[in-house]
Amino acid sequence: MPREIFEENKFIEISEYAIHCRVKRLKDKVKLKLRTKKTLYTYKTDPATAERLLRNISCDIIEL
């Protein structure tokens, strides 16, 4: 069962031990999905914030 994250800092913290990050771009928002060993975390944001977050994470990025 996926868990939704509502804070940017928590997203960056989880990305440090994530396997990969999937990016799904919709019309006016972006869904970022972090896959860890046990859980899938999702974070919804606007495109500008998503680009800034993707520059700061170290895991593999997969565009959907």
PDB file of N, CA and C in Angstrom:
ATOM      1  N   MET A   1       0.842  -1.182   0.000  1.00  0.00           N
ATOM      2  CA  MET A   1       0.000   0.000   0.000  1.00  0.00           C
ATOM      3  C   MET A   1       0.887   1.246   0.000  1.00  0.00           C
ATOM      4  N   PRO A   2       0.739   2.131  -0.969  1.00  0.00           N
ATOM      5  CA  PRO A   2       1.580   3.326  -1.017  1.00  0.00           C
ATOM      6  C   PRO A   2       1.238   4.311   0.100  1.00  0.00           C
ATOM      7  N   ARG A   3       2.242   5.064   0.504  1.00  0.00           N
ATOM      8  CA  ARG A   3       2.052   6.117   1.500  1.00  0.00           C
ATOM      9  C   ARG A   3       2.331   7.458   0.850  1.00  0.00           C
ATOM     10  N   GLU A   4       1.495   8.443   1.152  1.00  0.00           N
ATOM     11  CA  GLU A   4       1.693   9.774   0.579  1.00  0.00           C
ATOM     12  C   GLU A   4       2.477  10.646   1.548  1.00  0.00           C
ATOM     13  N   ILE A   5       3.428  11.400   0.999  1.00  0.00           N
ATOM     14  CA  ILE A   5       4.250  12.330   1.770  1.00  0.00           C
ATOM     15  C   ILE A   5       3.735  13.734   1.469  1.00  0.00           C
ATOM     16  N   PHE A   6       3.709  14.589   2.496  1.00  0.00           N
ATOM     17  CA  PHE A   6       3.208  15.945   2.320  1.00  0.00           C
ATOM     18  C   PHE A   6       4.277  17.010   2.549  1.00  0.00           C
ATOM     19  N   GLU A   7       5.514  16.618   2.921  1.00  0.00           N
ATOM     20  CA  GLU A   7       6.584  17.569   3.212  1.00  0.00           C
ATOM     21  C   GLU A   7       7.785  17.313   2.303  1.00  0.00           C
ATOM     22  N   GLU A   8       8.360  18.389   1.780  1.00  0.00           N
ATOM     23  CA  GLU A   8       9.534  18.274   0.908  1.00  0.00           C
ATOM     24  C   GLU A   8      10.721  17.676   1.642  1.00  0.00           C
ATOM     25  N   ASN A   9      10.945  18.103   2.879  1.00  0.00           N
ATOM     26  CA  ASN A   9      12.100  17.614   3.641  1.00  0.00           C
ATOM     27  C   ASN A   9      12.020  16.106   3.863  1.00  0.00           C
ATOM     28  N   LYS A  10      10.840  15.604   4.131  1.00  0.00           N
ATOM     29  CA  LYS A  10      10.646  14.168   4.316  1.00  0.00           C
ATOM     30  C   LYS A  10      10.924  13.426   3.011  1.00  0.00           C
ATOM     31  N   PHE A  11      10.514  13.999   1.878  1.00  0.00           N
ATOM     32  CA  PHE A  11      10.767  13.391   0.571  1.00  0.00           C
ATOM     33  C   PHE A  11      12.273  13.258   0.321  1.00  0.00           C
ATOM     34  N   ILE A  12      13.027  14.309   0.591  1.00  0.00           N
ATOM     35  CA  ILE A  12      14.475  14.281   0.382  1.00  0.00           C
ATOM     36  C   ILE A  12      15.132  13.275   1.325  1.00  0.00           C
ATOM     37  N   GLU A  13      14.652  13.225   2.554  1.00  0.00           N
ATOM     38  CA  GLU A  13      15.203  12.285   3.536  1.00  0.00           C
ATOM     39  C   GLU A  13      14.999  10.837   3.095  1.00  0.00           C
ATOM     40  N   ILE A  14      13.810  10.510   2.611  1.00  0.00           N
ATOM     41  CA  ILE A  14      13.518   9.142   2.168  1.00  0.00           C
ATOM     42  C   ILE A  14      14.277   8.813   0.891  1.00  0.00           C
ATOM     43  N   SER A  15      14.506   9.794   0.036  1.00  0.00           N
ATOM     44  CA  SER A  15      15.209   9.542  -1.230  1.00  0.00           C
ATOM     45  C   SER A  15      16.644   9.078  -1.027  1.00  0.00           C
ATOM     46  N   GLU A  16      17.228   9.342   0.127  1.00  0.00           N
ATOM     47  CA  GLU A  16      18.603   8.921   0.395  1.00  0.00           C
ATOM     48  C   GLU A  16      18.749   7.404   0.429  1.00  0.00           C
ATOM     49  N   TYR A  17      17.694   6.685   0.845  1.00  0.00           N
ATOM     50  CA  TYR A  17      17.781   5.227   0.868  1.00  0.00           C
ATOM     51  C   TYR A  17      16.782   4.566  -0.083  1.00  0.00           C
ATOM     52  N   ALA A  18      16.248   5.321  -1.032  1.00  0.00           N
ATOM     53  CA  ALA A  18      15.323   4.767  -2.022  1.00  0.00           C
ATOM     54  C   ALA A  18      16.086   4.061  -3.141  1.00  0.00           C
ATOM     55  N   ILE A  19      15.437   3.107  -3.759  1.00  0.00           N
ATOM     56  CA  ILE A  19      16.028   2.374  -4.887  1.00  0.00           C
ATOM     57  C   ILE A  19      15.969   3.222  -6.148  1.00  0.00           C
ATOM     58  N   HIS A  20      14.802   3.810  -6.420  1.00  0.00           N
ATOM     59  CA  HIS A  20      14.655   4.704  -7.565  1.00  0.00           C
ATOM     60  C   HIS A  20      13.473   5.644  -7.346  1.00  0.00           C
ATOM     61  N   CYS A  21      13.395   6.663  -8.201  1.00  0.00           N
ATOM     62  CA  CYS A  21      12.304   7.639  -8.156  1.00  0.00           C
ATOM     63  C   CYS A  21      11.645   7.663  -9.536  1.00  0.00           C
ATOM     64  N   ARG A  22      10.349   7.445  -9.567  1.00  0.00           N
ATOM     65  CA  ARG A  22       9.600   7.516 -10.821  1.00  0.00           C
ATOM     66  C   ARG A  22       8.882   8.852 -10.897  1.00  0.00           C
ATOM     67  N   VAL A  23       8.902   9.450 -12.080  1.00  0.00           N
ATOM     68  CA  VAL A  23       8.304  10.771 -12.278  1.00  0.00           C
ATOM     69  C   VAL A  23       7.161  10.637 -13.273  1.00  0.00           C
ATOM     70  N   LYS A  24       5.972  11.042 -12.841  1.00  0.00           N
ATOM     71  CA  LYS A  24       4.804  11.018 -13.730  1.00  0.00           C
ATOM     72  C   LYS A  24       4.299  12.443 -13.856  1.00  0.00           C
ATOM     73  N   ARG A  25       4.395  12.993 -15.063  1.00  0.00           N
ATOM     74  CA  ARG A  25       3.999  14.379 -15.306  1.00  0.00           C
ATOM     75  C   ARG A  25       2.565  14.420 -15.829  1.00  0.00           C
ATOM     76  N   LEU A  26       1.712  15.151 -15.122  1.00  0.00           N
ATOM     77  CA  LEU A  26       0.336  15.365 -15.526  1.00  0.00           C
ATOM     78  C   LEU A  26       0.204  16.793 -16.042  1.00  0.00           C
ATOM     79  N   LYS A  27      -1.002  17.256 -16.318  1.00  0.00           N
ATOM     80  CA  LYS A  27      -1.182  18.591 -16.897  1.00  0.00           C
ATOM     81  C   LYS A  27      -0.651  19.704 -16.004  1.00  0.00           C
ATOM     82  N   ASP A  28      -1.110  19.762 -14.765  1.00  0.00           N
ATOM     83  CA  ASP A  28      -0.726  20.881 -13.907  1.00  0.00           C
ATOM     84  C   ASP A  28       0.018  20.464 -12.645  1.00  0.00           C
ATOM     85  N   LYS A  29       0.344  19.168 -12.521  1.00  0.00           N
ATOM     86  CA  LYS A  29       1.105  18.717 -11.363  1.00  0.00           C
ATOM     87  C   LYS A  29       1.996  17.549 -11.741  1.00  0.00           C
ATOM     88  N   VAL A  30       2.891  17.190 -10.825  1.00  0.00           N
ATOM     89  CA  VAL A  30       3.831  16.107 -11.048  1.00  0.00           C
ATOM     90  C   VAL A  30       3.744  15.159  -9.863  1.00  0.00           C
ATOM     91  N   LYS A  31       3.706  13.852 -10.152  1.00  0.00           N
ATOM     92  CA  LYS A  31       3.730  12.849  -9.094  1.00  0.00           C
ATOM     93  C   LYS A  31       5.129  12.255  -9.049  1.00  0.00           C
ATOM     94  N   LEU A  32       5.727  12.275  -7.877  1.00  0.00           N
ATOM     95  CA  LEU A  32       7.027  11.674  -7.656  1.00  0.00           C
ATOM     96  C   LEU A  32       6.822  10.444  -6.787  1.00  0.00           C
ATOM     97  N   LYS A  33       7.349   9.316  -7.225  1.00  0.00           N
ATOM     98  CA  LYS A  33       7.155   8.062  -6.505  1.00  0.00           C
ATOM     99  C   LYS A  33       8.516   7.493  -6.124  1.00  0.00           C
ATOM    100  N   LEU A  34       8.749   7.350  -4.825  1.00  0.00           N
ATOM    101  CA  LEU A  34       9.993   6.779  -4.319  1.00  0.00           C
ATOM    102  C   LEU A  34       9.765   5.327  -3.947  1.00  0.00           C
ATOM    103  N   ARG A  35      10.551   4.431  -4.508  1.00  0.00           N
ATOM    104  CA  ARG A  35      10.457   3.010  -4.194  1.00  0.00           C
ATOM    105  C   ARG A  35      11.586   2.666  -3.222  1.00  0.00           C
ATOM    106  N   THR A  36      11.221   2.227  -2.025  1.00  0.00           N
ATOM    107  CA  THR A  36      12.196   1.709  -1.076  1.00  0.00           C
ATOM    108  C   THR A  36      12.056   0.191  -1.056  1.00  0.00           C
ATOM    109  N   LYS A  37      12.813  -0.456  -0.201  1.00  0.00           N
ATOM    110  CA  LYS A  37      12.787  -1.905  -0.159  1.00  0.00           C
ATOM    111  C   LYS A  37      11.401  -2.446   0.197  1.00  0.00           C
ATOM    112  N   LYS A  38      10.689  -1.745   1.095  1.00  0.00           N
ATOM    113  CA  LYS A  38       9.398  -2.249   1.556  1.00  0.00           C
ATOM    114  C   LYS A  38       8.191  -1.427   1.102  1.00  0.00           C
ATOM    115  N   THR A  39       8.366  -0.127   0.877  1.00  0.00           N
ATOM    116  CA  THR A  39       7.224   0.762   0.694  1.00  0.00           C
ATOM    117  C   THR A  39       7.398   1.662  -0.526  1.00  0.00           C
ATOM    118  N   LEU A  40       6.272   2.049  -1.125  1.00  0.00           N
ATOM    119  CA  LEU A  40       6.239   3.045  -2.186  1.00  0.00           C
ATOM    120  C   LEU A  40       5.705   4.342  -1.588  1.00  0.00           C
ATOM    121  N   TYR A  41       6.464   5.423  -1.712  1.00  0.00           N
ATOM    122  CA  TYR A  41       6.056   6.730  -1.207  1.00  0.00           C
ATOM    123  C   TYR A  41       5.722   7.627  -2.389  1.00  0.00           C
ATOM    124  N   THR A  42       4.632   8.378  -2.307  1.00  0.00           N
ATOM    125  CA  THR A  42       4.253   9.302  -3.370  1.00  0.00           C
ATOM    126  C   THR A  42       4.243  10.728  -2.845  1.00  0.00           C
ATOM    127  N   TYR A  43       4.557  11.650  -3.736  1.00  0.00           N
ATOM    128  CA  TYR A  43       4.561  13.074  -3.398  1.00  0.00           C
ATOM    129  C   TYR A  43       4.034  13.830  -4.605  1.00  0.00           C
ATOM    130  N   LYS A  44       2.983  14.637  -4.422  1.00  0.00           N
ATOM    131  CA  LYS A  44       2.397  15.422  -5.508  1.00  0.00           C
ATOM    132  C   LYS A  44       2.818  16.872  -5.347  1.00  0.00           C
ATOM    133  N   THR A  45       3.227  17.489  -6.465  1.00  0.00           N
ATOM    134  CA  THR A  45       3.700  18.867  -6.409  1.00  0.00           C
ATOM    135  C   THR A  45       3.556  19.534  -7.767  1.00  0.00           C
ATOM    136  N   ASP A  46       3.911  20.819  -7.822  1.00  0.00           N
ATOM    137  CA  ASP A  46       3.878  21.542  -9.091  1.00  0.00           C
ATOM    138  C   ASP A  46       5.178  21.270  -9.862  1.00  0.00           C
ATOM    139  N   PRO A  47       5.205  21.523 -11.174  1.00  0.00           N
ATOM    140  CA  PRO A  47       6.388  21.204 -11.984  1.00  0.00           C
ATOM    141  C   PRO A  47       7.678  21.913 -11.548  1.00  0.00           C
ATOM    142  N   ALA A  48       7.602  23.161 -11.111  1.00  0.00           N
ATOM    143  CA  ALA A  48       8.810  23.891 -10.717  1.00  0.00           C
ATOM    144  C   ALA A  48       9.447  23.282  -9.470  1.00  0.00           C
ATOM    145  N   THR A  49       8.636  22.949  -8.492  1.00  0.00           N
ATOM    146  CA  THR A  49       9.147  22.329  -7.272  1.00  0.00           C
ATOM    147  C   THR A  49       9.688  20.934  -7.561  1.00  0.00           C
ATOM    148  N   ALA A  50       9.041  20.216  -8.458  1.00  0.00           N
ATOM    149  CA  ALA A  50       9.498  18.873  -8.814  1.00  0.00           C
ATOM    150  C   ALA A  50      10.892  18.910  -9.427  1.00  0.00           C
ATOM    151  N   GLU A  51      11.150  19.861 -10.320  1.00  0.00           N
ATOM    152  CA  GLU A  51      12.476  19.970 -10.937  1.00  0.00           C
ATOM    153  C   GLU A  51      13.543  20.263  -9.891  1.00  0.00           C
ATOM    154  N   ARG A  52      13.227  21.136  -8.933  1.00  0.00           N
ATOM    155  CA  ARG A  52      14.181  21.468  -7.877  1.00  0.00           C
ATOM    156  C   ARG A  52      14.467  20.244  -7.001  1.00  0.00           C
ATOM    157  N   LEU A  53      13.433  19.470  -6.680  1.00  0.00           N
ATOM    158  CA  LEU A  53      13.618  18.276  -5.870  1.00  0.00           C
ATOM    159  C   LEU A  53      14.425  17.212  -6.603  1.00  0.00           C
ATOM    160  N   LEU A  54      14.175  17.046  -7.891  1.00  0.00           N
ATOM    161  CA  LEU A  54      14.880  16.024  -8.667  1.00  0.00           C
ATOM    162  C   LEU A  54      16.369  16.324  -8.787  1.00  0.00           C
ATOM    163  N   ARG A  55      16.744  17.601  -8.741  1.00  0.00           N
ATOM    164  CA  ARG A  55      18.173  17.949  -8.766  1.00  0.00           C
ATOM    165  C   ARG A  55      18.857  17.591  -7.454  1.00  0.00           C
ATOM    166  N   ASN A  56      18.094  17.524  -6.354  1.00  0.00           N
ATOM    167  CA  ASN A  56      18.670  17.308  -5.029  1.00  0.00           C
ATOM    168  C   ASN A  56      18.691  15.855  -4.570  1.00  0.00           C
ATOM    169  N   ILE A  57      18.056  14.950  -5.297  1.00  0.00           N
ATOM    170  CA  ILE A  57      18.039  13.563  -4.839  1.00  0.00           C
ATOM    171  C   ILE A  57      19.140  12.770  -5.534  1.00  0.00           C
ATOM    172  N   SER A  58      19.549  11.683  -4.872  1.00  0.00           N
ATOM    173  CA  SER A  58      20.685  10.916  -5.379  1.00  0.00           C
ATOM    174  C   SER A  58      20.285   9.563  -5.997  1.00  0.00           C
ATOM    175  N   CYS A  59      19.041   9.148  -5.861  1.00  0.00           N
ATOM    176  CA  CYS A  59      18.644   7.838  -6.415  1.00  0.00           C
ATOM    177  C   CYS A  59      18.384   7.962  -7.921  1.00  0.00           C
ATOM    178  N   ASP A  60      18.242   6.824  -8.582  1.00  0.00           N
ATOM    179  CA  ASP A  60      17.967   6.787 -10.022  1.00  0.00           C
ATOM    180  C   ASP A  60      16.599   7.406 -10.311  1.00  0.00           C
ATOM    181  N   ILE A  61      16.504   8.132 -11.426  1.00  0.00           N
ATOM    182  CA  ILE A  61      15.263   8.800 -11.814  1.00  0.00           C
ATOM    183  C   ILE A  61      14.729   8.136 -13.077  1.00  0.00           C
ATOM    184  N   ILE A  62      13.465   7.704 -13.037  1.00  0.00           N
ATOM    185  CA  ILE A  62      12.829   7.047 -14.176  1.00  0.00           C
ATOM    186  C   ILE A  62      11.620   7.904 -14.582  1.00  0.00           C
ATOM    187  N   GLU A  63      11.626   8.393 -15.831  1.00  0.00           N
ATOM    188  CA  GLU A  63      10.503   9.180 -16.368  1.00  0.00           C
ATOM    189  C   GLU A  63       9.448   8.234 -16.930  1.00  0.00           C
ATOM    190  N   LEU A  64       8.201   8.444 -16.552  1.00  0.00           N
ATOM    191  CA  LEU A  64       7.108   7.613 -17.084  1.00  0.00           C
ATOM    192  C   LEU A  64       6.388   8.333 -18.203  1.00  0.00           C
TER     193      LEU A  64
END
